PDB file of N, CA and C in Angstrom:
ATOM      1  N   MET A   1     -51.362 -44.932 -35.813  1.00  0.00           N
ATOM      2  CA  MET A   1     -51.772 -44.433 -34.519  1.00  0.00           C
ATOM      3  C   MET A   1     -50.519 -44.215 -33.689  1.00  0.00           C
ATOM      4  N   ILE A   2     -50.501 -43.119 -32.994  1.00  0.00           N
ATOM      5  CA  ILE A   2     -49.390 -42.798 -32.107  1.00  0.00           C
ATOM      6  C   ILE A   2     -49.947 -42.521 -30.722  1.00  0.00           C
ATOM      7  N   VAL A   3     -49.338 -43.147 -29.720  1.00  0.00           N
ATOM      8  CA  VAL A   3     -49.722 -42.923 -28.332  1.00  0.00           C
ATOM      9  C   VAL A   3     -48.470 -42.486 -27.584  1.00  0.00           C
ATOM     10  N   LEU A   4     -48.549 -41.363 -26.928  1.00  0.00           N
ATOM     11  CA  LEU A   4     -47.453 -40.884 -26.098  1.00  0.00           C
ATOM     12  C   LEU A   4     -47.901 -40.889 -24.649  1.00  0.00           C
ATOM     13  N   LYS A   5     -47.072 -41.452 -23.793  1.00  0.00           N
ATOM     14  CA  LYS A   5     -47.369 -41.461 -22.363  1.00  0.00           C
ATOM     15  C   LYS A   5     -46.223 -40.770 -21.648  1.00  0.00           C
ATOM     16  N   GLY A   6     -46.532 -39.684 -20.996  1.00  0.00           N
ATOM     17  CA  GLY A   6     -45.527 -38.972 -20.223  1.00  0.00           C
ATOM     18  C   GLY A   6     -45.511 -39.459 -18.790  1.00  0.00           C
ATOM     19  N   SER A   7     -44.522 -39.035 -18.077  1.00  0.00           N
ATOM     20  CA  SER A   7     -44.388 -39.359 -16.650  1.00  0.00           C
ATOM     21  C   SER A   7     -44.310 -40.852 -16.386  1.00  0.00           C
ATOM     22  N   VAL A   8     -43.796 -41.607 -17.353  1.00  0.00           N
ATOM     23  CA  VAL A   8     -43.588 -43.041 -17.161  1.00  0.00           C
ATOM     24  C   VAL A   8     -42.105 -43.232 -16.850  1.00  0.00           C
ATOM     25  N   PRO A   9     -41.780 -43.794 -15.681  1.00  0.00           N
ATOM     26  CA  PRO A   9     -40.371 -43.990 -15.347  1.00  0.00           C
ATOM     27  C   PRO A   9     -39.697 -44.906 -16.374  1.00  0.00           C
ATOM     28  N   ILE A  10     -38.543 -44.487 -16.879  1.00  0.00           N
ATOM     29  CA  ILE A  10     -37.802 -45.304 -17.833  1.00  0.00           C
ATOM     30  C   ILE A  10     -36.313 -45.088 -17.596  1.00  0.00           C
ATOM     31  N   ALA A  11     -35.578 -46.173 -17.513  1.00  0.00           N
ATOM     32  CA  ALA A  11     -34.123 -46.112 -17.415  1.00  0.00           C
ATOM     33  C   ALA A  11     -33.571 -46.618 -18.743  1.00  0.00           C
ATOM     34  N   PHE A  12     -32.711 -45.846 -19.342  1.00  0.00           N
ATOM     35  CA  PHE A  12     -32.156 -46.174 -20.649  1.00  0.00           C
ATOM     36  C   PHE A  12     -30.678 -45.839 -20.603  1.00  0.00           C
ATOM     37  N   GLY A  13     -29.833 -46.807 -20.861  1.00  0.00           N
ATOM     38  CA  GLY A  13     -28.392 -46.553 -20.806  1.00  0.00           C
ATOM     39  C   GLY A  13     -27.877 -46.312 -19.401  1.00  0.00           C
ATOM     40  N   GLY A  14     -28.592 -46.809 -18.413  1.00  0.00           N
ATOM     41  CA  GLY A  14     -28.135 -46.702 -17.038  1.00  0.00           C
ATOM     42  C   GLY A  14     -28.517 -45.431 -16.310  1.00  0.00           C
ATOM     43  N   ASN A  15     -29.348 -44.571 -16.936  1.00  0.00           N
ATOM     44  CA  ASN A  15     -29.790 -43.375 -16.230  1.00  0.00           C
ATOM     45  C   ASN A  15     -31.232 -43.043 -16.612  1.00  0.00           C
ATOM     46  N   GLU A  16     -31.782 -42.035 -15.949  1.00  0.00           N
ATOM     47  CA  GLU A  16     -33.192 -41.687 -16.154  1.00  0.00           C
ATOM     48  C   GLU A  16     -33.379 -40.351 -16.874  1.00  0.00           C
ATOM     49  N   GLN A  17     -32.412 -39.940 -17.685  1.00  0.00           N
ATOM     50  CA  GLN A  17     -32.588 -38.755 -18.517  1.00  0.00           C
ATOM     51  C   GLN A  17     -33.709 -39.041 -19.518  1.00  0.00           C
ATOM     52  N   PRO A  18     -34.288 -37.998 -20.135  1.00  0.00           N
ATOM     53  CA  PRO A  18     -35.391 -38.229 -21.076  1.00  0.00           C
ATOM     54  C   PRO A  18     -35.042 -39.299 -22.111  1.00  0.00           C
ATOM     55  N   ALA A  19     -35.961 -40.250 -22.282  1.00  0.00           N
ATOM     56  CA  ALA A  19     -35.756 -41.365 -23.206  1.00  0.00           C
ATOM     57  C   ALA A  19     -37.106 -41.792 -23.757  1.00  0.00           C
ATOM     58  N   ALA A  20     -37.065 -42.612 -24.801  1.00  0.00           N
ATOM     59  CA  ALA A  20     -38.311 -43.090 -25.400  1.00  0.00           C
ATOM     60  C   ALA A  20     -38.121 -44.494 -25.946  1.00  0.00           C
ATOM     61  N   TYR A  21     -39.209 -45.234 -25.924  1.00  0.00           N
ATOM     62  CA  TYR A  21     -39.276 -46.568 -26.514  1.00  0.00           C
ATOM     63  C   TYR A  21     -40.513 -46.587 -27.394  1.00  0.00           C
ATOM     64  N   GLY A  22     -40.393 -47.121 -28.593  1.00  0.00           N
ATOM     65  CA  GLY A  22     -41.541 -47.177 -29.490  1.00  0.00           C
ATOM     66  C   GLY A  22     -41.652 -48.530 -30.158  1.00  0.00           C
ATOM     67  N   GLU A  23     -42.869 -48.881 -30.516  1.00  0.00           N
ATOM     68  CA  GLU A  23     -43.124 -50.101 -31.274  1.00  0.00           C
ATOM     69  C   GLU A  23     -43.835 -49.724 -32.560  1.00  0.00           C
ATOM     70  N   LEU A  24     -43.315 -50.196 -33.672  1.00  0.00           N
ATOM     71  CA  LEU A  24     -43.901 -49.971 -34.981  1.00  0.00           C
ATOM     72  C   LEU A  24     -44.435 -51.313 -35.468  1.00  0.00           C
ATOM     73  N   VAL A  25     -45.738 -51.421 -35.614  1.00  0.00           N
ATOM     74  CA  VAL A  25     -46.374 -52.670 -36.027  1.00  0.00           C
ATOM     75  C   VAL A  25     -46.934 -52.484 -37.427  1.00  0.00           C
ATOM     76  N   SER A  26     -46.638 -53.435 -38.307  1.00  0.00           N
ATOM     77  CA  SER A  26     -47.070 -53.326 -39.698  1.00  0.00           C
ATOM     78  C   SER A  26     -47.668 -54.638 -40.185  1.00  0.00           C
ATOM     79  N   ILE A  27     -48.684 -54.517 -41.043  1.00  0.00           N
ATOM     80  CA  ILE A  27     -49.259 -55.710 -41.675  1.00  0.00           C
ATOM     81  C   ILE A  27     -48.609 -55.956 -43.034  1.00  0.00           C
ATOM     82  N   GLY A  28     -47.597 -55.215 -43.345  1.00  0.00           N
ATOM     83  CA  GLY A  28     -46.885 -55.300 -44.623  1.00  0.00           C
ATOM     84  C   GLY A  28     -46.661 -53.895 -45.138  1.00  0.00           C
ATOM     85  N   GLY A  29     -46.016 -53.764 -46.252  1.00  0.00           N
ATOM     86  CA  GLY A  29     -45.838 -52.450 -46.845  1.00  0.00           C
ATOM     87  C   GLY A  29     -44.667 -51.652 -46.313  1.00  0.00           C
ATOM     88  N   LEU A  30     -44.033 -52.110 -45.270  1.00  0.00           N
ATOM     89  CA  LEU A  30     -42.839 -51.424 -44.782  1.00  0.00           C
ATOM     90  C   LEU A  30     -41.614 -52.144 -45.320  1.00  0.00           C
ATOM     91  N   ASN A  31     -40.595 -51.390 -45.605  1.00  0.00           N
ATOM     92  CA  ASN A  31     -39.336 -51.956 -46.075  1.00  0.00           C
ATOM     93  C   ASN A  31     -38.212 -51.175 -45.403  1.00  0.00           C
ATOM     94  N   PRO A  32     -36.973 -51.601 -45.574  1.00  0.00           N
ATOM     95  CA  PRO A  32     -35.879 -50.903 -44.888  1.00  0.00           C
ATOM     96  C   PRO A  32     -35.824 -49.403 -45.183  1.00  0.00           C
ATOM     97  N   ASP A  33     -36.093 -48.998 -46.430  1.00  0.00           N
ATOM     98  CA  ASP A  33     -36.065 -47.576 -46.770  1.00  0.00           C
ATOM     99  C   ASP A  33     -37.166 -46.813 -46.029  1.00  0.00           C
ATOM    100  N   MET A  34     -38.367 -47.374 -45.997  1.00  0.00           N
ATOM    101  CA  MET A  34     -39.480 -46.735 -45.290  1.00  0.00           C
ATOM    102  C   MET A  34     -39.196 -46.684 -43.792  1.00  0.00           C
ATOM    103  N   ASN A  35     -38.613 -47.746 -43.245  1.00  0.00           N
ATOM    104  CA  ASN A  35     -38.266 -47.761 -41.820  1.00  0.00           C
ATOM    105  C   ASN A  35     -37.302 -46.625 -41.482  1.00  0.00           C
ATOM    106  N   LYS A  36     -36.315 -46.379 -42.367  1.00  0.00           N
ATOM    107  CA  LYS A  36     -35.363 -45.290 -42.135  1.00  0.00           C
ATOM    108  C   LYS A  36     -36.075 -43.941 -42.131  1.00  0.00           C
ATOM    109  N   LYS A  37     -36.998 -43.749 -43.073  1.00  0.00           N
ATOM    110  CA  LYS A  37     -37.736 -42.487 -43.148  1.00  0.00           C
ATOM    111  C   LYS A  37     -38.620 -42.288 -41.918  1.00  0.00           C
ATOM    112  N   LEU A  38     -39.312 -43.351 -41.503  1.00  0.00           N
ATOM    113  CA  LEU A  38     -40.157 -43.259 -40.309  1.00  0.00           C
ATOM    114  C   LEU A  38     -39.314 -42.968 -39.068  1.00  0.00           C
ATOM    115  N   SER A  39     -38.200 -43.672 -38.938  1.00  0.00           N
ATOM    116  CA  SER A  39     -37.320 -43.461 -37.786  1.00  0.00           C
ATOM    117  C   SER A  39     -36.815 -42.026 -37.736  1.00  0.00           C
ATOM    118  N   ALA A  40     -36.434 -41.480 -38.893  1.00  0.00           N
ATOM    119  CA  ALA A  40     -35.941 -40.098 -38.939  1.00  0.00           C
ATOM    120  C   ALA A  40     -37.035 -39.113 -38.543  1.00  0.00           C
ATOM    121  N   GLY A  41     -38.259 -39.345 -39.001  1.00  0.00           N
ATOM    122  CA  GLY A  41     -39.371 -38.464 -38.647  1.00  0.00           C
ATOM    123  C   GLY A  41     -39.707 -38.522 -37.170  1.00  0.00           C
ATOM    124  N   ILE A  42     -39.746 -39.734 -36.634  1.00  0.00           N
ATOM    125  CA  ILE A  42     -40.039 -39.910 -35.208  1.00  0.00           C
ATOM    126  C   ILE A  42     -38.926 -39.288 -34.373  1.00  0.00           C
ATOM    127  N   ASP A  43     -37.680 -39.505 -34.790  1.00  0.00           N
ATOM    128  CA  ASP A  43     -36.540 -38.926 -34.086  1.00  0.00           C
ATOM    129  C   ASP A  43     -36.641 -37.407 -34.032  1.00  0.00           C
ATOM    130  N   SER A  44     -37.005 -36.796 -35.139  1.00  0.00           N
ATOM    131  CA  SER A  44     -37.130 -35.339 -35.197  1.00  0.00           C
ATOM    132  C   SER A  44     -38.193 -34.832 -34.226  1.00  0.00           C
ATOM    133  N   ILE A  45     -39.325 -35.501 -34.194  1.00  0.00           N
ATOM    134  CA  ILE A  45     -40.407 -35.106 -33.280  1.00  0.00           C
ATOM    135  C   ILE A  45     -39.968 -35.253 -31.829  1.00  0.00           C
ATOM    136  N   LEU A  46     -39.376 -36.405 -31.502  1.00  0.00           N
ATOM    137  CA  LEU A  46     -38.956 -36.642 -30.119  1.00  0.00           C
ATOM    138  C   LEU A  46     -37.907 -35.631 -29.671  1.00  0.00           C
ATOM    139  N   GLU A  47     -36.953 -35.341 -30.553  1.00  0.00           N
ATOM    140  CA  GLU A  47     -35.887 -34.419 -30.159  1.00  0.00           C
ATOM    141  C   GLU A  47     -36.378 -32.975 -30.079  1.00  0.00           C
ATOM    142  N   ASN A  48     -37.143 -32.536 -31.062  1.00  0.00           N
ATOM    143  CA  ASN A  48     -37.571 -31.134 -31.109  1.00  0.00           C
ATOM    144  C   ASN A  48     -38.720 -30.806 -30.163  1.00  0.00           C
ATOM    145  N   LYS A  49     -39.618 -31.728 -29.951  1.00  0.00           N
ATOM    146  CA  LYS A  49     -40.795 -31.462 -29.112  1.00  0.00           C
ATOM    147  C   LYS A  49     -40.642 -31.957 -27.676  1.00  0.00           C
ATOM    148  N   LEU A  50     -39.890 -33.061 -27.494  1.00  0.00           N
ATOM    149  CA  LEU A  50     -39.818 -33.674 -26.165  1.00  0.00           C
ATOM    150  C   LEU A  50     -38.408 -33.735 -25.585  1.00  0.00           C
ATOM    151  N   SER A  51     -37.421 -33.193 -26.286  1.00  0.00           N
ATOM    152  CA  SER A  51     -36.024 -33.161 -25.821  1.00  0.00           C
ATOM    153  C   SER A  51     -35.440 -34.547 -25.574  1.00  0.00           C
ATOM    154  N   VAL A  52     -35.848 -35.516 -26.387  1.00  0.00           N
ATOM    155  CA  VAL A  52     -35.295 -36.869 -26.296  1.00  0.00           C
ATOM    156  C   VAL A  52     -34.278 -37.022 -27.425  1.00  0.00           C
ATOM    157  N   LEU A  53     -33.016 -37.187 -27.063  1.00  0.00           N
ATOM    158  CA  LEU A  53     -31.969 -37.357 -28.067  1.00  0.00           C
ATOM    159  C   LEU A  53     -32.130 -38.689 -28.787  1.00  0.00           C
ATOM    160  N   LYS A  54     -31.689 -38.759 -30.059  1.00  0.00           N
ATOM    161  CA  LYS A  54     -31.860 -40.004 -30.805  1.00  0.00           C
ATOM    162  C   LYS A  54     -31.040 -41.140 -30.214  1.00  0.00           C
ATOM    163  N   SER A  55     -30.007 -40.823 -29.467  1.00  0.00           N
ATOM    164  CA  SER A  55     -29.229 -41.866 -28.793  1.00  0.00           C
ATOM    165  C   SER A  55     -29.976 -42.431 -27.583  1.00  0.00           C
ATOM    166  N   ARG A  56     -31.138 -41.827 -27.238  1.00  0.00           N
ATOM    167  CA  ARG A  56     -31.922 -42.273 -26.083  1.00  0.00           C
ATOM    168  C   ARG A  56     -33.302 -42.740 -26.518  1.00  0.00           C
ATOM    169  N   PHE A  57     -33.389 -43.241 -27.749  1.00  0.00           N
ATOM    170  CA  PHE A  57     -34.651 -43.669 -28.331  1.00  0.00           C
ATOM    171  C   PHE A  57     -34.458 -45.031 -28.983  1.00  0.00           C
ATOM    172  N   PHE A  58     -35.373 -45.955 -28.685  1.00  0.00           N
ATOM    173  CA  PHE A  58     -35.331 -47.288 -29.279  1.00  0.00           C
ATOM    174  C   PHE A  58     -36.657 -47.544 -29.969  1.00  0.00           C
ATOM    175  N   LEU A  59     -36.609 -47.915 -31.237  1.00  0.00           N
ATOM    176  CA  LEU A  59     -37.812 -48.231 -32.006  1.00  0.00           C
ATOM    177  C   LEU A  59     -37.765 -49.697 -32.388  1.00  0.00           C
ATOM    178  N   PHE A  60     -38.743 -50.449 -31.927  1.00  0.00           N
ATOM    179  CA  PHE A  60     -38.846 -51.880 -32.209  1.00  0.00           C
ATOM    180  C   PHE A  60     -39.875 -52.073 -33.309  1.00  0.00           C
ATOM    181  N   SER A  61     -39.481 -52.734 -34.383  1.00  0.00           N
ATOM    182  CA  SER A  61     -40.359 -52.934 -35.535  1.00  0.00           C
ATOM    183  C   SER A  61     -40.872 -54.371 -35.557  1.00  0.00           C
ATOM    184  N   ILE A  62     -42.186 -54.513 -35.688  1.00  0.00           N
ATOM    185  CA  ILE A  62     -42.823 -55.834 -35.715  1.00  0.00           C
ATOM    186  C   ILE A  62     -43.645 -55.950 -36.994  1.00  0.00           C
ATOM    187  N   LEU A  63     -43.408 -57.004 -37.759  1.00  0.00           N
ATOM    188  CA  LEU A  63     -44.257 -57.304 -38.906  1.00  0.00           C
ATOM    189  C   LEU A  63     -45.234 -58.391 -38.483  1.00  0.00           C
ATOM    190  N   ILE A  64     -46.508 -58.177 -38.719  1.00  0.00           N
ATOM    191  CA  ILE A  64     -47.527 -59.149 -38.319  1.00  0.00           C
ATOM    192  C   ILE A  64     -47.225 -60.528 -38.902  1.00  0.00           C
ATOM    193  N   ALA A  65     -46.643 -60.576 -40.089  1.00  0.00           N
ATOM    194  CA  ALA A  65     -46.300 -61.863 -40.710  1.00  0.00           C
ATOM    195  C   ALA A  65     -45.360 -62.681 -39.830  1.00  0.00           C
ATOM    196  N   TRP A  66     -44.556 -62.007 -38.997  1.00  0.00           N
ATOM    197  CA  TRP A  66     -43.635 -62.716 -38.114  1.00  0.00           C
ATOM    198  C   TRP A  66     -44.366 -63.548 -37.072  1.00  0.00           C
ATOM    199  N   ILE A  67     -45.597 -63.167 -36.753  1.00  0.00           N
ATOM    200  CA  ILE A  67     -46.334 -63.887 -35.710  1.00  0.00           C
ATOM    201  C   ILE A  67     -47.491 -64.694 -36.289  1.00  0.00           C
ATOM    202  N   ASN A  68     -47.437 -64.960 -37.590  1.00  0.00           N
ATOM    203  CA  ASN A  68     -48.432 -65.801 -38.282  1.00  0.00           C
ATOM    204  C   ASN A  68     -49.859 -65.335 -38.090  1.00  0.00           C
ATOM    205  N   PHE A  69     -50.094 -64.038 -38.207  1.00  0.00           N
ATOM    206  CA  PHE A  69     -51.444 -63.493 -38.070  1.00  0.00           C
ATOM    207  C   PHE A  69     -52.233 -63.763 -39.319  1.00  0.00           C
TER     208      PHE A  69
END
């Protein structure tokens, strides 16, 4: 599931140029190679569709196992 919210004030790197923050939550099945592929795909969408440079995007990855679910 992907949710995009526009018009949300965000300061990233000390300024308010277009930026993005994302959370990737997994119940398993993700590994470093898959994370790289997902990050590259998300980066491409953000840059090409929303003009958010990859240097202005942060993706936080959470594995459910980390929180003892």
